[in-house]
């Protein structure tokens, strides 16, 4: 990967559950990154993280149960936030006020006002905030983005994306562990995890830099999948059989963009299925679909037939992934975690804004709230806030960087 030379970056991590410790493991393998401070409310999880740092042969890290104490350290330049969903933005806001780059994990946010406060804080402090949406750095996603920028699909018309992942076992077990995620399914009904698919689509469509999300409408199916799995696998005495699941099995959301494009976003996590992010990019000259690893380009593909995507990916491999393959892919989720973290670190080292900026973070995250609102009103359209306050019309591309998504 493009490294940042002798410029070392010091990061803190807030949240040391499975995800936080996974990111810590990736960071500890980077020679130009130090992690001298860790924070978690749970003493056992905190100790696991501290042990992890020492096991990697690094200097002993300091542990905190109050993230404000971690943010008070002068040596910390950036903070990785991997706590429960609705605390992400709260901690990101505090991080920016403390002068630390904020790197927030994905998940449902608490309110639109919190999204606005995130934007205002970044504007007032001049400190960037990056949603750590690793799927923006997936190999297929970056190859497709490269093809879009080179005009292979012509003028874009429509994108499809989503989070289609059978989570029934994990959700059912969560209620015994008092885990936070299941409670979103019990109390809320909307797209609670939009950004894995939406982030890459938004970058293809130049959202917040020449284009904008305008309106959203969501509809949710009935909820049957989770309870049926529990009855079939855990029996009628399991606690999940005695609670009502608010979250529909399938949530479909349509977003209309200022440029006239549409996006179909699907959440599908409580029915049997293989994993997919349901990618589809379609324009006046062709179409790519993730589900069958296929592509059709008018004038190049035979007739109306699909072609395998593999040869196109090889031809249009993103420069970042060419280098990554040469150096050896590493890090979680097939390398996406590594590249996403490197993008965050590179921005801190160069003191530039992050490739996924605060306006992206706010707009993509707001979908969970807007979707819930639309579902509650029977699928009525709801307007997107313009977090850029009109600047999207003529915003310049972000800073040049190997990790740029422009």
Protein backbone atom coordinates (compact mmCIF):
# COMPACT_ATOMS: atom_id res chain seq x y z
CA UNK A 1 0.00 0.00 0.00
CA UNK A 2 1.06 3.59 -0.35
CA UNK A 3 2.59 4.11 3.08
CA UNK A 4 3.14 7.46 4.77
CA UNK A 5 6.86 7.22 5.37
CA UNK A 6 8.30 8.12 8.75
CA UNK A 7 5.22 10.10 9.82
CA UNK A 8 3.71 8.02 12.62
CA UNK A 9 0.05 8.44 13.50
CA UNK A 10 -1.30 7.85 17.00
CA UNK A 11 -4.86 6.59 17.27
CA UNK A 12 -7.24 5.81 20.10
CA UNK A 13 -10.02 3.22 19.90
CA UNK A 14 -13.34 3.63 21.66
CA UNK A 15 -15.33 0.39 21.73
CA UNK A 16 -13.62 -2.99 22.08
CA UNK A 17 -16.25 -5.51 21.18
CA UNK A 18 -15.59 -8.03 18.41
CA UNK A 19 -15.50 -5.31 15.75
CA UNK A 20 -13.27 -2.96 17.72
CA UNK A 21 -10.75 -5.68 18.51
CA UNK A 22 -10.74 -6.75 14.87
CA UNK A 23 -9.86 -3.22 13.77
CA UNK A 24 -7.25 -3.03 16.52
CA UNK A 25 -5.63 -6.19 15.18
CA UNK A 26 -5.41 -4.65 11.70
CA UNK A 27 -3.94 -1.41 13.07
CA UNK A 28 -1.32 -3.19 15.17
CA UNK A 29 0.04 -4.78 11.99
CA UNK A 30 0.80 -1.31 10.55
CA UNK A 31 4.32 -0.17 11.34
CA UNK A 32 3.52 3.55 11.07
CA UNK A 33 0.55 3.48 13.48
CA UNK A 34 0.59 3.52 17.28
CA UNK A 35 -2.44 2.79 19.46
CA UNK A 36 -1.51 4.14 22.90
CA UNK A 37 -5.05 4.51 24.27
CA UNK A 38 -8.10 2.24 24.40
CA UNK A 39 -11.57 2.75 25.88
CA UNK A 40 -14.55 0.58 26.70
CA UNK A 41 -17.25 0.70 29.37
CA UNK A 42 -16.75 -3.00 30.02
CA UNK A 43 -13.61 -3.81 32.02
CA UNK A 44 -13.30 -7.31 30.55
CA UNK A 45 -13.41 -6.07 26.96
CA UNK A 46 -10.99 -3.28 27.80
CA UNK A 47 -8.53 -5.76 29.25
CA UNK A 48 -8.79 -7.96 26.16
CA UNK A 49 -7.81 -4.95 24.05
CA UNK A 50 -4.92 -4.00 26.31
CA UNK A 51 -3.64 -7.59 26.22
CA UNK A 52 -3.92 -7.54 22.44
CA UNK A 53 -1.62 -4.52 22.21
CA UNK A 54 1.04 -6.16 24.39
CA UNK A 55 0.75 -9.47 22.55
CA UNK A 56 1.61 -7.61 19.33
CA UNK A 57 4.90 -6.50 20.91
CA UNK A 58 3.78 -2.88 21.22
CA UNK A 59 4.27 -0.50 24.10
CA UNK A 60 1.64 -0.88 26.81
CA UNK A 61 -1.53 1.10 26.06
CA UNK A 62 -3.51 3.07 28.63
CA UNK A 63 -7.07 1.94 29.28
CA UNK A 64 -10.09 4.16 29.94
CA UNK A 65 -13.76 3.61 30.68
CA UNK A 66 -14.65 7.26 29.95
CA UNK A 67 -13.96 8.28 26.35
CA UNK A 68 -13.64 11.93 27.38
CA UNK A 69 -10.47 11.02 29.28
CA UNK A 70 -9.04 9.41 26.15
CA UNK A 71 -9.98 12.49 24.11
CA UNK A 72 -8.14 14.69 26.59
CA UNK A 73 -4.79 13.18 25.61
CA UNK A 74 -2.65 15.53 23.52
CA UNK A 75 -0.85 12.73 21.67
CA UNK A 76 -3.98 11.20 20.10
CA UNK A 77 -4.61 12.49 16.54
CA UNK A 78 -7.55 10.35 15.53
CA UNK A 79 -10.19 8.15 17.13
CA UNK A 80 -11.69 4.92 15.84
CA UNK A 81 -15.28 4.65 17.12
CA UNK A 82 -16.62 1.09 17.21
CA UNK A 83 -19.23 1.27 19.95
CA UNK A 84 -22.95 0.52 19.76
CA UNK A 85 -24.77 2.12 16.82
CA UNK A 86 -26.53 5.06 18.43
CA UNK A 87 -23.45 6.25 20.30
CA UNK A 88 -21.28 6.66 17.17
CA UNK A 89 -22.18 10.24 16.34
CA UNK A 90 -22.14 11.38 19.98
CA UNK A 91 -18.53 10.24 20.31
CA UNK A 92 -17.58 11.53 16.86
CA UNK A 93 -18.87 14.99 17.81
CA UNK A 94 -16.88 14.93 21.05
CA UNK A 95 -13.79 13.77 19.14
CA UNK A 96 -13.93 16.67 16.69
CA UNK A 97 -14.48 19.16 19.51
CA UNK A 98 -11.31 17.75 21.09
CA UNK A 99 -9.43 18.29 17.81
CA UNK A 100 -9.22 14.59 16.89
CA UNK A 101 -10.08 13.15 13.47
CA UNK A 102 -13.21 11.04 13.95
CA UNK A 103 -13.50 7.64 12.27
CA UNK A 104 -16.94 6.21 12.93
CA UNK A 105 -18.09 2.66 12.31
CA UNK A 106 -21.37 2.16 10.46
CA UNK A 107 -24.87 1.46 11.81
CA UNK A 108 -28.22 3.08 12.54
CA UNK A 109 -27.99 6.58 14.00
CA UNK A 110 -30.23 8.18 16.61
CA UNK A 111 -31.65 11.35 15.03
CA UNK A 112 -31.43 13.83 12.16
CA UNK A 113 -30.51 16.56 14.62
CA UNK A 114 -27.47 14.53 15.61
CA UNK A 115 -26.48 14.31 11.94
CA UNK A 116 -26.79 18.09 11.69
CA UNK A 117 -24.72 18.54 14.84
CA UNK A 118 -22.05 16.30 13.34
CA UNK A 119 -21.85 18.54 10.26
CA UNK A 120 -21.91 21.79 12.26
CA UNK A 121 -19.15 20.55 14.56
CA UNK A 122 -16.88 19.58 11.66
CA UNK A 123 -17.49 22.94 9.96
CA UNK A 124 -16.88 24.92 13.15
CA UNK A 125 -13.78 23.01 14.28
CA UNK A 126 -12.31 22.28 10.86
CA UNK A 127 -11.80 18.66 11.97
CA UNK A 128 -12.83 15.90 9.52
CA UNK A 129 -15.18 13.03 10.26
CA UNK A 130 -15.11 9.82 8.21
CA UNK A 131 -17.67 7.06 8.16
CA UNK A 132 -15.52 3.92 8.07
CA UNK A 133 -17.55 2.34 5.29
CA UNK A 134 -15.20 -0.45 4.30
CA UNK A 135 -17.33 -1.58 1.33
CA UNK A 136 -16.32 1.57 -0.54
CA UNK A 137 -12.88 -0.06 -0.72
CA UNK A 138 -14.03 -3.48 -1.95
CA UNK A 139 -12.26 -4.78 -5.03
CA UNK A 140 -15.41 -5.02 -7.15
CA UNK A 141 -16.77 -1.70 -5.91
CA UNK A 142 -13.56 0.18 -6.77
CA UNK A 143 -13.30 -1.49 -10.19
CA UNK A 144 -16.89 -0.49 -10.97
CA UNK A 145 -16.21 3.05 -9.73
CA UNK A 146 -13.20 3.20 -12.05
CA UNK A 147 -15.39 2.06 -14.95
CA UNK A 148 -18.02 4.67 -14.11
CA UNK A 149 -15.43 7.44 -14.05
CA UNK A 150 -14.06 6.27 -17.41
CA UNK A 151 -17.56 6.46 -18.92
CA UNK A 152 -17.98 2.77 -19.70
CA UNK A 153 -21.63 2.76 -18.56
CA UNK A 154 -22.44 6.08 -20.23
CA UNK A 155 -24.72 8.39 -18.28
CA UNK A 156 -25.85 6.66 -15.09
CA UNK A 157 -29.59 6.12 -14.69
CA UNK A 158 -30.10 3.67 -11.84
CA UNK A 159 -28.23 1.88 -9.05
CA UNK A 160 -29.29 -0.97 -6.81
CA UNK A 161 -27.61 -2.01 -3.61
CA UNK A 162 -28.31 -3.34 -0.17
CA UNK A 163 -27.39 -5.42 2.81
CA UNK A 164 -28.63 -8.96 2.25
CA UNK A 165 -27.21 -11.14 4.99
CA UNK A 166 -28.85 -13.92 7.01
CA UNK A 167 -28.41 -12.67 10.59
CA UNK A 168 -31.12 -14.79 12.23
CA UNK A 169 -28.84 -16.91 14.43
CA UNK A 170 -26.81 -13.96 15.69
CA UNK A 171 -29.88 -11.82 16.36
CA UNK A 172 -31.63 -14.61 18.27
CA UNK A 173 -28.56 -15.23 20.41
CA UNK A 174 -28.11 -11.52 21.07
CA UNK A 175 -31.17 -11.28 23.29
CA UNK A 176 -29.52 -13.61 25.82
CA UNK A 177 -26.31 -11.56 25.70
CA UNK A 178 -28.15 -8.25 26.13
CA UNK A 179 -26.55 -7.10 22.87
CA UNK A 180 -27.79 -3.81 21.44
CA UNK A 181 -28.44 -4.82 17.82
CA UNK A 182 -31.45 -7.03 18.43
CA UNK A 183 -33.28 -4.17 20.16
CA UNK A 184 -33.32 -2.19 16.92
CA UNK A 185 -35.24 -5.11 15.39
CA UNK A 186 -37.66 -5.21 18.29
CA UNK A 187 -38.35 -1.47 18.44
CA UNK A 188 -37.72 0.01 14.98
CA UNK A 189 -38.88 -0.73 11.43
CA UNK A 190 -36.82 0.64 8.56
CA UNK A 191 -33.49 0.16 6.84
CA UNK A 192 -31.23 -0.09 9.87
CA UNK A 193 -28.00 -0.82 7.99
CA UNK A 194 -27.96 1.14 4.72
CA UNK A 195 -24.40 2.21 4.07
CA UNK A 196 -22.64 -0.98 2.89
CA UNK A 197 -24.47 -0.77 -0.42
CA UNK A 198 -25.34 2.91 -0.48
CA UNK A 199 -21.81 4.23 0.06
CA UNK A 200 -20.37 2.82 -3.18
CA UNK A 201 -23.50 3.82 -5.13
CA UNK A 202 -23.30 7.37 -3.75
CA UNK A 203 -19.71 7.74 -4.93
CA UNK A 204 -20.65 6.46 -8.40
CA UNK A 205 -23.38 9.12 -8.54
CA UNK A 206 -21.22 12.00 -7.21
CA UNK A 207 -23.52 12.58 -4.24
CA UNK A 208 -22.61 15.80 -2.37
CA UNK A 209 -20.30 16.86 -5.22
CA UNK A 210 -22.58 17.80 -8.10
CA UNK A 211 -25.50 15.59 -7.12
CA UNK A 212 -27.72 15.09 -4.10
CA UNK A 213 -30.23 12.73 -2.51
CA UNK A 214 -33.63 14.45 -2.83
CA UNK A 215 -36.37 12.17 -1.49
CA UNK A 216 -36.76 8.71 -0.05
CA UNK A 217 -39.65 6.30 0.20
CA UNK A 218 -39.54 3.00 2.11
CA UNK A 219 -41.87 0.06 2.50
CA UNK A 220 -41.43 -2.86 4.85
CA UNK A 221 -42.79 -6.40 4.65
CA UNK A 222 -44.26 -8.35 7.53
CA UNK A 223 -41.91 -9.91 10.08
CA UNK A 224 -41.85 -13.71 10.14
CA UNK A 225 -38.33 -14.95 9.51
CA UNK A 226 -36.69 -14.37 12.88
CA UNK A 227 -39.47 -15.93 14.99
CA UNK A 228 -39.74 -18.93 12.67
CA UNK A 229 -35.99 -19.56 12.89
CA UNK A 230 -36.16 -19.42 16.69
CA UNK A 231 -39.08 -21.85 16.85
CA UNK A 232 -37.37 -24.30 14.49
CA UNK A 233 -33.92 -24.11 16.06
CA UNK A 234 -34.25 -23.01 19.69
CA UNK A 235 -37.73 -24.16 20.64
CA UNK A 236 -40.85 -22.50 21.97
CA UNK A 237 -39.33 -21.67 25.36
CA UNK A 238 -36.71 -19.30 23.97
CA UNK A 239 -37.18 -15.62 25.03
CA UNK A 240 -37.40 -14.53 21.39
CA UNK A 241 -40.73 -16.31 21.01
CA UNK A 242 -42.26 -13.99 23.62
CA UNK A 243 -41.36 -10.65 22.01
CA UNK A 244 -42.78 -8.82 19.03
CA UNK A 245 -40.40 -8.12 16.14
CA UNK A 246 -41.08 -4.69 14.65
CA UNK A 247 -38.50 -4.96 11.86
CA UNK A 248 -39.97 -6.30 8.61
CA UNK A 249 -38.10 -9.11 6.89
CA UNK A 250 -37.59 -7.06 3.71
CA UNK A 251 -37.32 -3.28 3.55
CA UNK A 252 -37.15 -1.67 0.11
CA UNK A 253 -36.17 1.98 -0.18
CA UNK A 254 -36.22 4.13 -3.32
CA UNK A 255 -34.07 7.27 -3.37
CA UNK A 256 -34.49 9.96 -6.04
CA UNK A 257 -31.43 12.05 -6.83
CA UNK A 258 -31.16 15.64 -8.02
CA UNK A 259 -29.56 14.42 -11.25
CA UNK A 260 -32.64 12.32 -12.04
CA UNK A 261 -31.13 8.98 -11.06
CA UNK A 262 -32.83 6.45 -8.79
CA UNK A 263 -31.40 4.06 -6.22
CA UNK A 264 -33.13 0.92 -4.96
CA UNK A 265 -31.80 -0.04 -1.53
CA UNK A 266 -32.78 -3.36 0.11
CA UNK A 267 -32.40 -4.62 3.67
CA UNK A 268 -32.84 -8.40 3.92
CA UNK A 269 -31.42 -9.92 7.11
CA UNK A 270 -34.04 -12.23 8.66
CA UNK A 271 -34.74 -14.75 5.88
CA UNK A 272 -32.61 -17.63 4.55
CA UNK A 273 -30.26 -16.41 1.80
CA UNK A 274 -26.60 -16.21 0.74
CA UNK A 275 -24.75 -12.97 1.42
CA UNK A 276 -24.98 -10.17 -1.14
CA UNK A 277 -24.71 -6.40 -1.36
CA UNK A 278 -27.04 -6.53 -4.38
CA UNK A 279 -24.87 -4.25 -6.49
CA UNK A 280 -26.18 -2.96 -9.80
CA UNK A 281 -25.00 0.01 -11.83
CA UNK A 282 -26.93 0.83 -15.01
CA UNK A 283 -26.44 3.57 -17.55
CA UNK A 284 -27.12 4.47 -21.16
CA UNK A 285 -24.33 2.19 -22.40
CA UNK A 286 -24.50 -0.83 -20.14
CA UNK A 287 -25.10 -2.58 -16.85
CA UNK A 288 -23.13 -4.39 -14.11
CA UNK A 289 -24.74 -6.78 -11.66
CA UNK A 290 -22.99 -8.22 -8.62
CA UNK A 291 -25.47 -11.03 -8.02
CA UNK A 292 -24.34 -13.03 -11.08
CA UNK A 293 -20.89 -11.42 -11.43
CA UNK A 294 -21.86 -10.17 -14.86
CA UNK A 295 -21.74 -7.17 -17.15
CA UNK A 296 -23.20 -6.08 -20.45
CA UNK A 297 -21.76 -3.17 -22.46
CA UNK A 298 -23.57 -2.15 -25.62
CA UNK A 299 -21.38 -2.43 -28.69
CA UNK A 300 -18.88 -4.61 -26.88
CA UNK A 301 -20.86 -7.48 -25.37
CA UNK A 302 -22.36 -10.00 -27.83
CA UNK A 303 -26.01 -9.31 -28.63
CA UNK A 304 -28.08 -9.08 -25.47
CA UNK A 305 -25.92 -11.58 -23.61
CA UNK A 306 -24.19 -11.24 -20.26
CA UNK A 307 -20.40 -11.45 -20.02
CA UNK A 308 -18.43 -12.52 -16.95
CA UNK A 309 -17.23 -9.52 -14.97
CA UNK A 310 -13.80 -11.01 -14.23
CA UNK A 311 -12.10 -9.93 -17.47
CA UNK A 312 -13.51 -6.40 -17.11
CA UNK A 313 -12.31 -6.22 -13.53
CA UNK A 314 -8.83 -7.19 -14.66
CA UNK A 315 -8.90 -4.52 -17.38
CA UNK A 316 -10.32 -1.81 -15.11
CA UNK A 317 -8.73 -2.83 -11.81
CA UNK A 318 -8.53 0.24 -9.61
CA UNK A 319 -4.92 1.44 -9.14
CA UNK A 320 -5.28 1.09 -5.38
CA UNK A 321 -6.17 -2.59 -5.71
CA UNK A 322 -3.40 -3.22 -8.24
CA UNK A 323 -0.92 -2.08 -5.63
CA UNK A 324 -2.72 -3.94 -2.85
CA UNK A 325 -2.58 -7.21 -4.78
CA UNK A 326 1.14 -6.70 -5.42
CA UNK A 327 1.93 -6.09 -1.75
CA UNK A 328 -0.33 -8.89 -0.51
CA UNK A 329 -3.94 -8.44 0.56
CA UNK A 330 -4.32 -8.20 4.32
CA UNK A 331 -6.83 -7.16 6.96
CA UNK A 332 -10.43 -8.18 7.60
CA UNK A 333 -13.31 -8.54 5.15
CA UNK A 334 -11.07 -9.46 2.23
CA UNK A 335 -8.82 -6.44 2.67
CA UNK A 336 -11.54 -3.78 2.77
CA UNK A 337 -10.89 -2.99 6.43
CA UNK A 338 -7.20 -2.39 5.78
CA UNK A 339 -7.76 -0.01 2.86
CA UNK A 340 -10.49 1.91 4.68
CA UNK A 341 -8.29 2.38 7.75
CA UNK A 342 -5.35 3.40 5.56
CA UNK A 343 -7.54 6.05 3.94
CA UNK A 344 -8.32 7.45 7.39
CA UNK A 345 -4.68 7.30 8.51
CA UNK A 346 -3.39 8.85 5.27
CA UNK A 347 -5.77 11.80 5.75
CA UNK A 348 -4.51 12.38 9.30
CA UNK A 349 -0.87 12.15 8.23
CA UNK A 350 -1.38 14.66 5.42
CA UNK A 351 -3.84 16.80 7.40
CA UNK A 352 -6.42 16.69 4.60
CA UNK A 353 -10.11 15.92 4.60
CA UNK A 354 -11.11 12.27 4.46
CA UNK A 355 -12.30 10.55 1.24
CA UNK A 356 -15.66 9.90 2.90
CA UNK A 357 -16.29 13.29 4.48
CA UNK A 358 -18.71 14.59 7.08
CA UNK A 359 -21.40 15.37 4.48
CA UNK A 360 -21.22 11.78 3.18
CA UNK A 361 -21.28 10.46 6.74
CA UNK A 362 -24.39 12.47 7.59
CA UNK A 363 -26.31 11.81 4.36
CA UNK A 364 -25.66 8.07 4.21
CA UNK A 365 -26.35 7.59 7.91
CA UNK A 366 -29.58 9.62 7.79
CA UNK A 367 -31.17 6.95 5.58
CA UNK A 368 -31.90 4.76 8.61
CA UNK A 369 -33.97 7.53 10.24
CA UNK A 370 -35.71 8.67 7.06
CA UNK A 371 -36.54 5.09 6.12
CA UNK A 372 -38.13 4.50 9.51
CA UNK A 373 -40.20 7.66 9.08
CA UNK A 374 -41.39 6.67 5.61
CA UNK A 375 -42.33 3.14 6.67
CA UNK A 376 -44.34 4.52 9.59
CA UNK A 377 -46.32 6.67 7.12
CA UNK A 378 -47.14 3.82 4.76
CA UNK A 379 -44.37 4.54 2.30
CA UNK A 380 -44.88 8.28 1.97
CA UNK A 381 -41.89 10.15 0.47
CA UNK A 382 -39.75 12.11 2.91
CA UNK A 383 -37.23 14.80 1.92
CA UNK A 384 -33.50 14.51 2.53
CA UNK A 385 -31.85 17.30 4.49
CA UNK A 386 -29.23 19.11 2.43
CA UNK A 387 -26.34 18.79 4.85
CA UNK A 388 -24.10 20.78 2.47
CA UNK A 389 -26.55 23.74 2.53
CA UNK A 390 -26.38 24.13 -1.23
CA UNK A 391 -22.63 23.61 -1.61
CA UNK A 392 -23.20 20.24 -3.35
CA UNK A 393 -24.02 22.05 -6.60
CA UNK A 394 -20.48 23.25 -7.23
CA UNK A 395 -18.22 21.51 -4.70
CA UNK A 396 -14.75 20.74 -5.98
CA UNK A 397 -13.37 17.20 -5.80
CA UNK A 398 -11.69 16.22 -2.56
CA UNK A 399 -7.91 16.29 -2.09
CA UNK A 400 -5.76 14.12 -4.36
CA UNK A 401 -4.94 10.86 -2.62
CA UNK A 402 -4.36 7.22 -3.56
CA UNK A 403 -7.50 6.54 -1.48
CA UNK A 404 -9.68 9.14 -3.18
CA UNK A 405 -13.18 8.00 -4.18
CA UNK A 406 -13.67 10.89 -6.61
